[in-house]
Amino acid sequence: MPGHKRVAVMSPQTRLAHSRRRLRGRWRVPKLDPAGADRAAELYTAQKRLAIAPLVLLFAGMLGLPLVFALFPGLDDLRLLGIPVSWLALAVLPYPALALLAGWQLRRAEHAEDDTP
C-alpha cells in the first residue's frame, strides 16, 4: 500500500534483548587452551560412546511395542479399569521409561565428566 510504512511489532522483552545485544557486542565462543581442548574432545567422545546403550534401548522399546502387540493380540482384550492394556502400554509406559533412560544417561555423562582428567 503506498504511503504506509511497515512497522515491526515485538514485545518489550524482545526489544530489551536486542538493545542489550547491541551494547555488549557480538558474542564469541571462548577459546580453550590446548589442554582444555583435548579434555573437551576426549569428554565429547566418551559421552557419545556412553549414549549408544540408551539409544539402543530407546529404539528397542519404541519399535518393540508394536512387535509385542503383534505377538500377543490378546492384550487388546485384556482390560484394566475398562481400558485395553495395549492402549495403556502405549499411553503410559513410554513416559516413565523415557524419564528413566534420560536420568540414567545423565548420571553416566556426569560420571564421565568427573572421571575425565
PDB file of N, CA and C in Angstrom:
ATOM      1  N   MET A   1       0.843  -1.164   0.000  1.00  0.00           N
ATOM      2  CA  MET A   1       0.000   0.000   0.000  1.00  0.00           C
ATOM      3  C   MET A   1       0.896   1.236   0.000  1.00  0.00           C
ATOM      4  N   PRO A   2       0.710   2.106  -0.919  1.00  0.00           N
ATOM      5  CA  PRO A   2       1.537   3.318  -0.963  1.00  0.00           C
ATOM      6  C   PRO A   2       1.216   4.234   0.222  1.00  0.00           C
ATOM      7  N   GLY A   3       2.257   4.838   0.750  1.00  0.00           N
ATOM      8  CA  GLY A   3       2.073   5.784   1.836  1.00  0.00           C
ATOM      9  C   GLY A   3       2.072   5.162   3.212  1.00  0.00           C
ATOM     10  N   HIS A   4       2.070   3.840   3.300  1.00  0.00           N
ATOM     11  CA  HIS A   4       2.086   3.175   4.599  1.00  0.00           C
ATOM     12  C   HIS A   4       3.479   2.624   4.867  1.00  0.00           C
ATOM     13  N   LYS A   5       3.933   2.832   6.078  1.00  0.00           N
ATOM     14  CA  LYS A   5       5.245   2.354   6.470  1.00  0.00           C
ATOM     15  C   LYS A   5       5.080   1.056   7.266  1.00  0.00           C
ATOM     16  N   ARG A   6       5.915   0.083   6.970  1.00  0.00           N
ATOM     17  CA  ARG A   6       5.877  -1.184   7.707  1.00  0.00           C
ATOM     18  C   ARG A   6       6.536  -0.980   9.064  1.00  0.00           C
ATOM     19  N   VAL A   7       5.924  -1.506  10.087  1.00  0.00           N
ATOM     20  CA  VAL A   7       6.448  -1.378  11.439  1.00  0.00           C
ATOM     21  C   VAL A   7       6.580  -2.778  12.034  1.00  0.00           C
ATOM     22  N   ALA A   8       7.747  -3.058  12.608  1.00  0.00           N
ATOM     23  CA  ALA A   8       7.946  -4.346  13.275  1.00  0.00           C
ATOM     24  C   ALA A   8       7.305  -4.288  14.650  1.00  0.00           C
ATOM     25  N   VAL A   9       6.458  -5.253  14.941  1.00  0.00           N
ATOM     26  CA  VAL A   9       5.791  -5.311  16.234  1.00  0.00           C
ATOM     27  C   VAL A   9       6.472  -6.408  17.039  1.00  0.00           C
ATOM     28  N   MET A  10       6.956  -6.034  18.228  1.00  0.00           N
ATOM     29  CA  MET A  10       7.613  -7.019  19.085  1.00  0.00           C
ATOM     30  C   MET A  10       7.335  -6.697  20.543  1.00  0.00           C
ATOM     31  N   SER A  11       7.559  -7.666  21.362  1.00  0.00           N
ATOM     32  CA  SER A  11       7.304  -7.469  22.787  1.00  0.00           C
ATOM     33  C   SER A  11       8.398  -6.597  23.397  1.00  0.00           C
ATOM     34  N   PRO A  12       8.129  -5.998  24.543  1.00  0.00           N
ATOM     35  CA  PRO A  12       9.161  -5.194  25.209  1.00  0.00           C
ATOM     36  C   PRO A  12      10.393  -6.021  25.571  1.00  0.00           C
ATOM     37  N   GLN A  13      10.192  -7.304  25.913  1.00  0.00           N
ATOM     38  CA  GLN A  13      11.334  -8.145  26.254  1.00  0.00           C
ATOM     39  C   GLN A  13      12.244  -8.342  25.042  1.00  0.00           C
ATOM     40  N   THR A  14      11.658  -8.511  23.878  1.00  0.00           N
ATOM     41  CA  THR A  14      12.464  -8.681  22.663  1.00  0.00           C
ATOM     42  C   THR A  14      13.244  -7.414  22.371  1.00  0.00           C
ATOM     43  N   ARG A  15      12.586  -6.292  22.522  1.00  0.00           N
ATOM     44  CA  ARG A  15      13.257  -5.013  22.298  1.00  0.00           C
ATOM     45  C   ARG A  15      14.434  -4.851  23.260  1.00  0.00           C
ATOM     46  N   LEU A  16      14.214  -5.227  24.528  1.00  0.00           N
ATOM     47  CA  LEU A  16      15.260  -5.129  25.542  1.00  0.00           C
ATOM     48  C   LEU A  16      16.420  -6.068  25.206  1.00  0.00           C
ATOM     49  N   ALA A  17      16.112  -7.277  24.781  1.00  0.00           N
ATOM     50  CA  ALA A  17      17.162  -8.236  24.431  1.00  0.00           C
ATOM     51  C   ALA A  17      17.981  -7.732  23.253  1.00  0.00           C
ATOM     52  N   HIS A  18      17.324  -7.152  22.254  1.00  0.00           N
ATOM     53  CA  HIS A  18      18.052  -6.611  21.103  1.00  0.00           C
ATOM     54  C   HIS A  18      18.943  -5.448  21.525  1.00  0.00           C
ATOM     55  N   SER A  19      18.468  -4.592  22.406  1.00  0.00           N
ATOM     56  CA  SER A  19      19.271  -3.448  22.818  1.00  0.00           C
ATOM     57  C   SER A  19      20.472  -3.906  23.640  1.00  0.00           C
ATOM     58  N   ARG A  20      20.305  -4.918  24.473  1.00  0.00           N
ATOM     59  CA  ARG A  20      21.431  -5.437  25.256  1.00  0.00           C
ATOM     60  C   ARG A  20      22.482  -6.045  24.345  1.00  0.00           C
ATOM     61  N   ARG A  21      22.048  -6.747  23.318  1.00  0.00           N
ATOM     62  CA  ARG A  21      22.993  -7.376  22.398  1.00  0.00           C
ATOM     63  C   ARG A  21      23.826  -6.315  21.693  1.00  0.00           C
ATOM     64  N   ARG A  22      23.211  -5.211  21.333  1.00  0.00           N
ATOM     65  CA  ARG A  22      23.953  -4.141  20.655  1.00  0.00           C
ATOM     66  C   ARG A  22      24.966  -3.503  21.594  1.00  0.00           C
ATOM     67  N   LEU A  23      24.605  -3.408  22.878  1.00  0.00           N
ATOM     68  CA  LEU A  23      25.505  -2.763  23.832  1.00  0.00           C
ATOM     69  C   LEU A  23      26.716  -3.629  24.156  1.00  0.00           C
ATOM     70  N   ARG A  24      26.520  -4.927  24.280  1.00  0.00           N
ATOM     71  CA  ARG A  24      27.607  -5.815  24.678  1.00  0.00           C
ATOM     72  C   ARG A  24      28.542  -6.152  23.529  1.00  0.00           C
ATOM     73  N   GLY A  25      28.101  -6.050  22.355  1.00  0.00           N
ATOM     74  CA  GLY A  25      28.906  -6.502  21.230  1.00  0.00           C
ATOM     75  C   GLY A  25      28.555  -7.927  20.875  1.00  0.00           C
ATOM     76  N   ARG A  26      29.239  -8.444  19.926  1.00  0.00           N
ATOM     77  CA  ARG A  26      28.946  -9.783  19.430  1.00  0.00           C
ATOM     78  C   ARG A  26      29.506 -10.837  20.373  1.00  0.00           C
ATOM     79  N   TRP A  27      28.704 -11.884  20.626  1.00  0.00           N
ATOM     80  CA  TRP A  27      29.144 -12.969  21.491  1.00  0.00           C
ATOM     81  C   TRP A  27      30.050 -13.889  20.689  1.00  0.00           C
ATOM     82  N   ARG A  28      31.131 -14.285  21.288  1.00  0.00           N
ATOM     83  CA  ARG A  28      32.068 -15.181  20.615  1.00  0.00           C
ATOM     84  C   ARG A  28      32.278 -16.425  21.468  1.00  0.00           C
ATOM     85  N   VAL A  29      32.534 -17.526  20.806  1.00  0.00           N
ATOM     86  CA  VAL A  29      32.824 -18.769  21.504  1.00  0.00           C
ATOM     87  C   VAL A  29      34.172 -18.615  22.189  1.00  0.00           C
ATOM     88  N   PRO A  30      34.245 -18.918  23.479  1.00  0.00           N
ATOM     89  CA  PRO A  30      35.537 -18.775  24.160  1.00  0.00           C
ATOM     90  C   PRO A  30      36.555 -19.773  23.613  1.00  0.00           C
ATOM     91  N   LYS A  31      37.777 -19.341  23.515  1.00  0.00           N
ATOM     92  CA  LYS A  31      38.854 -20.206  23.037  1.00  0.00           C
ATOM     93  C   LYS A  31      39.401 -21.002  24.215  1.00  0.00           C
ATOM     94  N   LEU A  32      39.640 -22.284  23.991  1.00  0.00           N
ATOM     95  CA  LEU A  32      40.196 -23.133  25.031  1.00  0.00           C
ATOM     96  C   LEU A  32      41.699 -23.261  24.841  1.00  0.00           C
ATOM     97  N   ASP A  33      42.384 -23.428  25.959  1.00  0.00           N
ATOM     98  CA  ASP A  33      43.813 -23.705  25.857  1.00  0.00           C
ATOM     99  C   ASP A  33      43.967 -25.128  25.317  1.00  0.00           C
ATOM    100  N   PRO A  34      45.143 -25.508  24.825  1.00  0.00           N
ATOM    101  CA  PRO A  34      45.294 -26.851  24.227  1.00  0.00           C
ATOM    102  C   PRO A  34      44.896 -27.982  25.162  1.00  0.00           C
ATOM    103  N   ALA A  35      45.227 -27.874  26.444  1.00  0.00           N
ATOM    104  CA  ALA A  35      44.857 -28.943  27.383  1.00  0.00           C
ATOM    105  C   ALA A  35      43.340 -29.013  27.544  1.00  0.00           C
ATOM    106  N   GLY A  36      42.695 -27.854  27.631  1.00  0.00           N
ATOM    107  CA  GLY A  36      41.233 -27.825  27.756  1.00  0.00           C
ATOM    108  C   GLY A  36      40.549 -28.340  26.505  1.00  0.00           C
ATOM    109  N   ALA A  37      41.121 -28.028  25.330  1.00  0.00           N
ATOM    110  CA  ALA A  37      40.546 -28.503  24.070  1.00  0.00           C
ATOM    111  C   ALA A  37      40.669 -30.020  23.972  1.00  0.00           C
ATOM    112  N   ASP A  38      41.820 -30.562  24.404  1.00  0.00           N
ATOM    113  CA  ASP A  38      41.991 -32.019  24.382  1.00  0.00           C
ATOM    114  C   ASP A  38      41.018 -32.692  25.342  1.00  0.00           C
ATOM    115  N   ARG A  39      40.853 -32.116  26.520  1.00  0.00           N
ATOM    116  CA  ARG A  39      39.918 -32.678  27.508  1.00  0.00           C
ATOM    117  C   ARG A  39      38.487 -32.618  26.981  1.00  0.00           C
ATOM    118  N   ALA A  40      38.121 -31.514  26.337  1.00  0.00           N
ATOM    119  CA  ALA A  40      36.766 -31.380  25.792  1.00  0.00           C
ATOM    120  C   ALA A  40      36.523 -32.409  24.689  1.00  0.00           C
ATOM    121  N   ALA A  41      37.508 -32.619  23.823  1.00  0.00           N
ATOM    122  CA  ALA A  41      37.359 -33.602  22.742  1.00  0.00           C
ATOM    123  C   ALA A  41      37.247 -35.012  23.317  1.00  0.00           C
ATOM    124  N   GLU A  42      38.047 -35.316  24.344  1.00  0.00           N
ATOM    125  CA  GLU A  42      38.003 -36.628  24.986  1.00  0.00           C
ATOM    126  C   GLU A  42      36.653 -36.854  25.670  1.00  0.00           C
ATOM    127  N   LEU A  43      36.165 -35.829  26.332  1.00  0.00           N
ATOM    128  CA  LEU A  43      34.879 -35.922  27.012  1.00  0.00           C
ATOM    129  C   LEU A  43      33.739 -36.100  26.011  1.00  0.00           C
ATOM    130  N   TYR A  44      33.800 -35.376  24.913  1.00  0.00           N
ATOM    131  CA  TYR A  44      32.784 -35.480  23.866  1.00  0.00           C
ATOM    132  C   TYR A  44      32.737 -36.908  23.311  1.00  0.00           C
ATOM    133  N   THR A  45      33.901 -37.479  23.060  1.00  0.00           N
ATOM    134  CA  THR A  45      33.970 -38.848  22.538  1.00  0.00           C
ATOM    135  C   THR A  45      33.429 -39.844  23.557  1.00  0.00           C
ATOM    136  N   ALA A  46      33.801 -39.663  24.826  1.00  0.00           N
ATOM    137  CA  ALA A  46      33.326 -40.578  25.870  1.00  0.00           C
ATOM    138  C   ALA A  46      31.810 -40.499  26.018  1.00  0.00           C
ATOM    139  N   GLN A  47      31.255 -39.300  25.983  1.00  0.00           N
ATOM    140  CA  GLN A  47      29.808 -39.160  26.147  1.00  0.00           C
ATOM    141  C   GLN A  47      29.048 -39.684  24.934  1.00  0.00           C
ATOM    142  N   LYS A  48      29.623 -39.555  23.746  1.00  0.00           N
ATOM    143  CA  LYS A  48      28.980 -40.152  22.560  1.00  0.00           C
ATOM    144  C   LYS A  48      28.962 -41.670  22.684  1.00  0.00           C
ATOM    145  N   ARG A  49      30.048 -42.241  23.148  1.00  0.00           N
ATOM    146  CA  ARG A  49      30.130 -43.690  23.316  1.00  0.00           C
ATOM    147  C   ARG A  49      29.114 -44.156  24.367  1.00  0.00           C
ATOM    148  N   LEU A  50      28.981 -43.397  25.449  1.00  0.00           N
ATOM    149  CA  LEU A  50      28.039 -43.765  26.506  1.00  0.00           C
ATOM    150  C   LEU A  50      26.581 -43.617  26.065  1.00  0.00           C
ATOM    151  N   ALA A  51      26.316 -42.818  25.066  1.00  0.00           N
ATOM    152  CA  ALA A  51      24.937 -42.594  24.621  1.00  0.00           C
ATOM    153  C   ALA A  51      24.407 -43.729  23.762  1.00  0.00           C
ATOM    154  N   ILE A  52      25.269 -44.630  23.328  1.00  0.00           N
ATOM    155  CA  ILE A  52      24.829 -45.703  22.427  1.00  0.00           C
ATOM    156  C   ILE A  52      23.831 -46.637  23.110  1.00  0.00           C
ATOM    157  N   ALA A  53      24.135 -47.091  24.326  1.00  0.00           N
ATOM    158  CA  ALA A  53      23.250 -48.045  25.017  1.00  0.00           C
ATOM    159  C   ALA A  53      21.858 -47.465  25.270  1.00  0.00           C
ATOM    160  N   PRO A  54      21.735 -46.230  25.811  1.00  0.00           N
ATOM    161  CA  PRO A  54      20.378 -45.692  25.992  1.00  0.00           C
ATOM    162  C   PRO A  54      19.623 -45.513  24.677  1.00  0.00           C
ATOM    163  N   LEU A  55      20.329 -45.150  23.621  1.00  0.00           N
ATOM    164  CA  LEU A  55      19.652 -45.011  22.324  1.00  0.00           C
ATOM    165  C   LEU A  55      19.158 -46.351  21.802  1.00  0.00           C
ATOM    166  N   VAL A  56      19.968 -47.391  21.958  1.00  0.00           N
ATOM    167  CA  VAL A  56      19.541 -48.724  21.530  1.00  0.00           C
ATOM    168  C   VAL A  56      18.311 -49.157  22.333  1.00  0.00           C
ATOM    169  N   LEU A  57      18.329 -48.932  23.648  1.00  0.00           N
ATOM    170  CA  LEU A  57      17.174 -49.287  24.471  1.00  0.00           C
ATOM    171  C   LEU A  57      15.940 -48.470  24.099  1.00  0.00           C
ATOM    172  N   LEU A  58      16.141 -47.195  23.791  1.00  0.00           N
ATOM    173  CA  LEU A  58      15.024 -46.349  23.378  1.00  0.00           C
ATOM    174  C   LEU A  58      14.377 -46.886  22.101  1.00  0.00           C
ATOM    175  N   PHE A  59      15.195 -47.166  21.093  1.00  0.00           N
ATOM    176  CA  PHE A  59      14.641 -47.671  19.837  1.00  0.00           C
ATOM    177  C   PHE A  59      14.050 -49.066  20.008  1.00  0.00           C
ATOM    178  N   ALA A  60      14.686 -49.896  20.828  1.00  0.00           N
ATOM    179  CA  ALA A  60      14.130 -51.233  21.069  1.00  0.00           C
ATOM    180  C   ALA A  60      12.769 -51.128  21.746  1.00  0.00           C
ATOM    181  N   GLY A  61      12.646 -50.208  22.694  1.00  0.00           N
ATOM    182  CA  GLY A  61      11.361 -50.039  23.368  1.00  0.00           C
ATOM    183  C   GLY A  61      10.291 -49.491  22.449  1.00  0.00           C
ATOM    184  N   MET A  62      10.637 -48.475  21.690  1.00  0.00           N
ATOM    185  CA  MET A  62       9.639 -47.851  20.817  1.00  0.00           C
ATOM    186  C   MET A  62       9.249 -48.757  19.649  1.00  0.00           C
ATOM    187  N   LEU A  63      10.229 -49.457  19.097  1.00  0.00           N
ATOM    188  CA  LEU A  63       9.919 -50.355  17.985  1.00  0.00           C
ATOM    189  C   LEU A  63       9.437 -51.713  18.485  1.00  0.00           C
ATOM    190  N   GLY A  64       9.736 -52.030  19.748  1.00  0.00           N
ATOM    191  CA  GLY A  64       9.335 -53.315  20.282  1.00  0.00           C
ATOM    192  C   GLY A  64       7.876 -53.373  20.703  1.00  0.00           C
ATOM    193  N   LEU A  65       7.292 -52.240  21.064  1.00  0.00           N
ATOM    194  CA  LEU A  65       5.875 -52.246  21.472  1.00  0.00           C
ATOM    195  C   LEU A  65       4.959 -52.779  20.367  1.00  0.00           C
ATOM    196  N   PRO A  66       5.077 -52.308  19.128  1.00  0.00           N
ATOM    197  CA  PRO A  66       4.220 -52.888  18.080  1.00  0.00           C
ATOM    198  C   PRO A  66       4.469 -54.379  17.875  1.00  0.00           C
ATOM    199  N   LEU A  67       5.714 -54.797  18.049  1.00  0.00           N
ATOM    200  CA  LEU A  67       6.031 -56.217  17.911  1.00  0.00           C
ATOM    201  C   LEU A  67       5.360 -57.034  19.015  1.00  0.00           C
ATOM    202  N   VAL A  68       5.379 -56.524  20.228  1.00  0.00           N
ATOM    203  CA  VAL A  68       4.712 -57.199  21.350  1.00  0.00           C
ATOM    204  C   VAL A  68       3.212 -57.294  21.085  1.00  0.00           C
ATOM    205  N   PHE A  69       2.627 -56.223  20.570  1.00  0.00           N
ATOM    206  CA  PHE A  69       1.187 -56.243  20.285  1.00  0.00           C
ATOM    207  C   PHE A  69       0.857 -57.211  19.154  1.00  0.00           C
ATOM    208  N   ALA A  70       1.769 -57.356  18.191  1.00  0.00           N
ATOM    209  CA  ALA A  70       1.538 -58.309  17.105  1.00  0.00           C
ATOM    210  C   ALA A  70       1.667 -59.750  17.600  1.00  0.00           C
ATOM    211  N   LEU A  71       2.616 -59.966  18.499  1.00  0.00           N
ATOM    212  CA  LEU A  71       2.821 -61.325  19.009  1.00  0.00           C
ATOM    213  C   LEU A  71       1.754 -61.734  20.028  1.00  0.00           C
ATOM    214  N   PHE A  72       1.228 -60.773  20.755  1.00  0.00           N
ATOM    215  CA  PHE A  72       0.227 -61.053  21.789  1.00  0.00           C
ATOM    216  C   PHE A  72      -1.039 -60.233  21.535  1.00  0.00           C
ATOM    217  N   PRO A  73      -1.844 -60.625  20.556  1.00  0.00           N
ATOM    218  CA  PRO A  73      -3.055 -59.857  20.248  1.00  0.00           C
ATOM    219  C   PRO A  73      -4.089 -59.895  21.377  1.00  0.00           C
ATOM    220  N   GLY A  74      -3.936 -60.794  22.319  1.00  0.00           N
ATOM    221  CA  GLY A  74      -4.862 -60.874  23.445  1.00  0.00           C
ATOM    222  C   GLY A  74      -4.771 -59.672  24.367  1.00  0.00           C
ATOM    223  N   LEU A  75      -3.713 -58.867  24.244  1.00  0.00           N
ATOM    224  CA  LEU A  75      -3.595 -57.676  25.073  1.00  0.00           C
ATOM    225  C   LEU A  75      -4.699 -56.670  24.770  1.00  0.00           C
ATOM    226  N   ASP A  76      -5.266 -56.741  23.559  1.00  0.00           N
ATOM    227  CA  ASP A  76      -6.383 -55.848  23.231  1.00  0.00           C
ATOM    228  C   ASP A  76      -7.645 -56.237  23.997  1.00  0.00           C
ATOM    229  N   ASP A  77      -7.773 -57.519  24.304  1.00  0.00           N
ATOM    230  CA  ASP A  77      -8.961 -57.985  25.014  1.00  0.00           C
ATOM    231  C   ASP A  77      -8.813 -57.845  26.528  1.00  0.00           C
ATOM    232  N   LEU A  78      -7.572 -57.866  27.007  1.00  0.00           N
ATOM    233  CA  LEU A  78      -7.315 -57.727  28.434  1.00  0.00           C
ATOM    234  C   LEU A  78      -7.527 -56.269  28.831  1.00  0.00           C
ATOM    235  N   ARG A  79      -8.349 -56.040  29.856  1.00  0.00           N
ATOM    236  CA  ARG A  79      -8.694 -54.665  30.230  1.00  0.00           C
ATOM    237  C   ARG A  79      -8.337 -54.389  31.686  1.00  0.00           C
ATOM    238  N   LEU A  80      -7.937 -53.153  31.923  1.00  0.00           N
ATOM    239  CA  LEU A  80      -7.656 -52.671  33.263  1.00  0.00           C
ATOM    240  C   LEU A  80      -8.426 -51.370  33.428  1.00  0.00           C
ATOM    241  N   LEU A  81      -9.354 -51.339  34.370  1.00  0.00           N
ATOM    242  CA  LEU A  81     -10.260 -50.201  34.561  1.00  0.00           C
ATOM    243  C   LEU A  81     -11.044 -49.876  33.292  1.00  0.00           C
ATOM    244  N   GLY A  82     -11.367 -50.918  32.544  1.00  0.00           N
ATOM    245  CA  GLY A  82     -12.163 -50.744  31.339  1.00  0.00           C
ATOM    246  C   GLY A  82     -11.374 -50.285  30.120  1.00  0.00           C
ATOM    247  N   ILE A  83     -10.056 -50.152  30.258  1.00  0.00           N
ATOM    248  CA  ILE A  83      -9.214 -49.684  29.146  1.00  0.00           C
ATOM    249  C   ILE A  83      -8.331 -50.846  28.712  1.00  0.00           C
ATOM    250  N   PRO A  84      -8.219 -51.100  27.395  1.00  0.00           N
ATOM    251  CA  PRO A  84      -7.349 -52.190  26.931  1.00  0.00           C
ATOM    252  C   PRO A  84      -5.905 -51.972  27.386  1.00  0.00           C
ATOM    253  N   VAL A  85      -5.262 -53.052  27.805  1.00  0.00           N
ATOM    254  CA  VAL A  85      -3.886 -52.980  28.287  1.00  0.00           C
ATOM    255  C   VAL A  85      -2.964 -52.462  27.192  1.00  0.00           C
ATOM    256  N   SER A  86      -3.259 -52.795  25.949  1.00  0.00           N
ATOM    257  CA  SER A  86      -2.411 -52.319  24.851  1.00  0.00           C
ATOM    258  C   SER A  86      -2.448 -50.784  24.760  1.00  0.00           C
ATOM    259  N   TRP A  87      -3.608 -50.204  24.979  1.00  0.00           N
ATOM    260  CA  TRP A  87      -3.710 -48.734  24.955  1.00  0.00           C
ATOM    261  C   TRP A  87      -2.976 -48.123  26.139  1.00  0.00           C
ATOM    262  N   LEU A  88      -3.113 -48.731  27.297  1.00  0.00           N
ATOM    263  CA  LEU A  88      -2.390 -48.227  28.469  1.00  0.00           C
ATOM    264  C   LEU A  88      -0.879 -48.306  28.254  1.00  0.00           C
ATOM    265  N   ALA A  89      -0.434 -49.401  27.644  1.00  0.00           N
ATOM    266  CA  ALA A  89       1.005 -49.550  27.392  1.00  0.00           C
ATOM    267  C   ALA A  89       1.501 -48.461  26.438  1.00  0.00           C
ATOM    268  N   LEU A  90       0.692 -48.110  25.473  1.00  0.00           N
ATOM    269  CA  LEU A  90       1.092 -47.055  24.527  1.00  0.00           C
ATOM    270  C   LEU A  90       1.022 -45.664  25.141  1.00  0.00           C
ATOM    271  N   ALA A  91       0.040 -45.444  26.009  1.00  0.00           N
ATOM    272  CA  ALA A  91      -0.183 -44.101  26.536  1.00  0.00           C
ATOM    273  C   ALA A  91       0.614 -43.824  27.801  1.00  0.00           C
ATOM    274  N   VAL A  92       0.921 -44.858  28.581  1.00  0.00           N
ATOM    275  CA  VAL A  92       1.535 -44.630  29.885  1.00  0.00           C
ATOM    276  C   VAL A  92       2.977 -45.116  29.945  1.00  0.00           C
ATOM    277  N   LEU A  93       3.255 -46.265  29.442  1.00  0.00           N
ATOM    278  CA  LEU A  93       4.562 -46.898  29.589  1.00  0.00           C
ATOM    279  C   LEU A  93       5.738 -46.092  29.023  1.00  0.00           C
ATOM    280  N   PRO A  94       5.640 -45.481  27.855  1.00  0.00           N
ATOM    281  CA  PRO A  94       6.825 -44.805  27.299  1.00  0.00           C
ATOM    282  C   PRO A  94       7.346 -43.647  28.141  1.00  0.00           C
ATOM    283  N   TYR A  95       6.500 -42.912  28.826  1.00  0.00           N
ATOM    284  CA  TYR A  95       6.956 -41.714  29.529  1.00  0.00           C
ATOM    285  C   TYR A  95       7.847 -42.020  30.734  1.00  0.00           C
ATOM    286  N   PRO A  96       7.452 -42.918  31.627  1.00  0.00           N
ATOM    287  CA  PRO A  96       8.398 -43.265  32.697  1.00  0.00           C
ATOM    288  C   PRO A  96       9.672 -43.915  32.153  1.00  0.00           C
ATOM    289  N   ALA A  97       9.526 -44.718  31.088  1.00  0.00           N
ATOM    290  CA  ALA A  97      10.708 -45.352  30.504  1.00  0.00           C
ATOM    291  C   ALA A  97      11.665 -44.293  29.953  1.00  0.00           C
ATOM    292  N   LEU A  98      11.133 -43.277  29.283  1.00  0.00           N
ATOM    293  CA  LEU A  98      11.983 -42.200  28.769  1.00  0.00           C
ATOM    294  C   LEU A  98      12.644 -41.419  29.900  1.00  0.00           C
ATOM    295  N   ALA A  99      11.897 -41.174  30.964  1.00  0.00           N
ATOM    296  CA  ALA A  99      12.467 -40.454  32.109  1.00  0.00           C
ATOM    297  C   ALA A  99      13.584 -41.268  32.757  1.00  0.00           C
ATOM    298  N   LEU A 100      13.390 -42.565  32.898  1.00  0.00           N
ATOM    299  CA  LEU A 100      14.438 -43.420  33.469  1.00  0.00           C
ATOM    300  C   LEU A 100      15.669 -43.465  32.576  1.00  0.00           C
ATOM    301  N   LEU A 101      15.467 -43.598  31.276  1.00  0.00           N
ATOM    302  CA  LEU A 101      16.600 -43.598  30.347  1.00  0.00           C
ATOM    303  C   LEU A 101      17.349 -42.274  30.388  1.00  0.00           C
ATOM    304  N   ALA A 102      16.623 -41.177  30.442  1.00  0.00           N
ATOM    305  CA  ALA A 102      17.258 -39.853  30.484  1.00  0.00           C
ATOM    306  C   ALA A 102      18.057 -39.677  31.768  1.00  0.00           C
ATOM    307  N   GLY A 103      17.489 -40.090  32.901  1.00  0.00           N
ATOM    308  CA  GLY A 103      18.205 -39.985  34.168  1.00  0.00           C
ATOM    309  C   GLY A 103      19.448 -40.856  34.185  1.00  0.00           C
ATOM    310  N   TRP A 104      19.329 -42.055  33.645  1.00  0.00           N
ATOM    311  CA  TRP A 104      20.465 -42.970  33.578  1.00  0.00           C
ATOM    312  C   TRP A 104      21.578 -42.371  32.725  1.00  0.00           C
ATOM    313  N   GLN A 105      21.203 -41.849  31.560  1.00  0.00           N
ATOM    314  CA  GLN A 105      22.207 -41.263  30.666  1.00  0.00           C
ATOM    315  C   GLN A 105      22.833 -40.021  31.298  1.00  0.00           C
ATOM    316  N   LEU A 106      22.051 -39.220  31.980  1.00  0.00           N
ATOM    317  CA  LEU A 106      22.589 -38.025  32.627  1.00  0.00           C
ATOM    318  C   LEU A 106      23.612 -38.397  33.691  1.00  0.00           C
ATOM    319  N   ARG A 107      23.293 -39.388  34.519  1.00  0.00           N
ATOM    320  CA  ARG A 107      24.253 -39.825  35.543  1.00  0.00           C
ATOM    321  C   ARG A 107      25.533 -40.350  34.909  1.00  0.00           C
ATOM    322  N   ARG A 108      25.400 -41.113  33.834  1.00  0.00           N
ATOM    323  CA  ARG A 108      26.585 -41.651  33.163  1.00  0.00           C
ATOM    324  C   ARG A 108      27.421 -40.540  32.540  1.00  0.00           C
ATOM    325  N   ALA A 109      26.778 -39.564  31.922  1.00  0.00           N
ATOM    326  CA  ALA A 109      27.509 -38.451  31.301  1.00  0.00           C
ATOM    327  C   ALA A 109      28.217 -37.613  32.363  1.00  0.00           C
ATOM    328  N   GLU A 110      27.539 -37.368  33.487  1.00  0.00           N
ATOM    329  CA  GLU A 110      28.173 -36.594  34.558  1.00  0.00           C
ATOM    330  C   GLU A 110      29.322 -37.367  35.178  1.00  0.00           C
ATOM    331  N   HIS A 111      29.165 -38.675  35.310  1.00  0.00           N
ATOM    332  CA  HIS A 111      30.247 -39.503  35.847  1.00  0.00           C
ATOM    333  C   HIS A 111      31.458 -39.464  34.905  1.00  0.00           C
ATOM    334  N   ALA A 112      31.206 -39.519  33.599  1.00  0.00           N
ATOM    335  CA  ALA A 112      32.311 -39.434  32.636  1.00  0.00           C
ATOM    336  C   ALA A 112      32.994 -38.080  32.727  1.00  0.00           C
ATOM    337  N   GLU A 113      32.211 -37.038  32.963  1.00  0.00           N
ATOM    338  CA  GLU A 113      32.792 -35.691  33.088  1.00  0.00           C
ATOM    339  C   GLU A 113      33.655 -35.587  34.339  1.00  0.00           C
ATOM    340  N   ASP A 114      33.215 -36.234  35.414  1.00  0.00           N
ATOM    341  CA  ASP A 114      34.010 -36.194  36.661  1.00  0.00           C
ATOM    342  C   ASP A 114      35.286 -37.020  36.540  1.00  0.00           C
ATOM    343  N   ASP A 115      35.227 -38.118  35.761  1.00  0.00           N
ATOM    344  CA  ASP A 115      36.378 -39.014  35.637  1.00  0.00           C
ATOM    345  C   ASP A 115      37.418 -38.541  34.628  1.00  0.00           C
ATOM    346  N   THR A 116      37.022 -37.670  33.706  1.00  0.00           N
ATOM    347  CA  THR A 116      37.957 -37.215  32.684  1.00  0.00           C
ATOM    348  C   THR A 116      39.030 -36.345  33.325  1.00  0.00           C
ATOM    349  N   PRO A 117      40.320 -36.693  33.117  1.00  0.00           N
ATOM    350  CA  PRO A 117      41.398 -35.913  33.760  1.00  0.00           C
ATOM    351  C   PRO A 117      41.524 -34.515  33.218  1.00  0.00           C
TER     352      PRO A 117
END
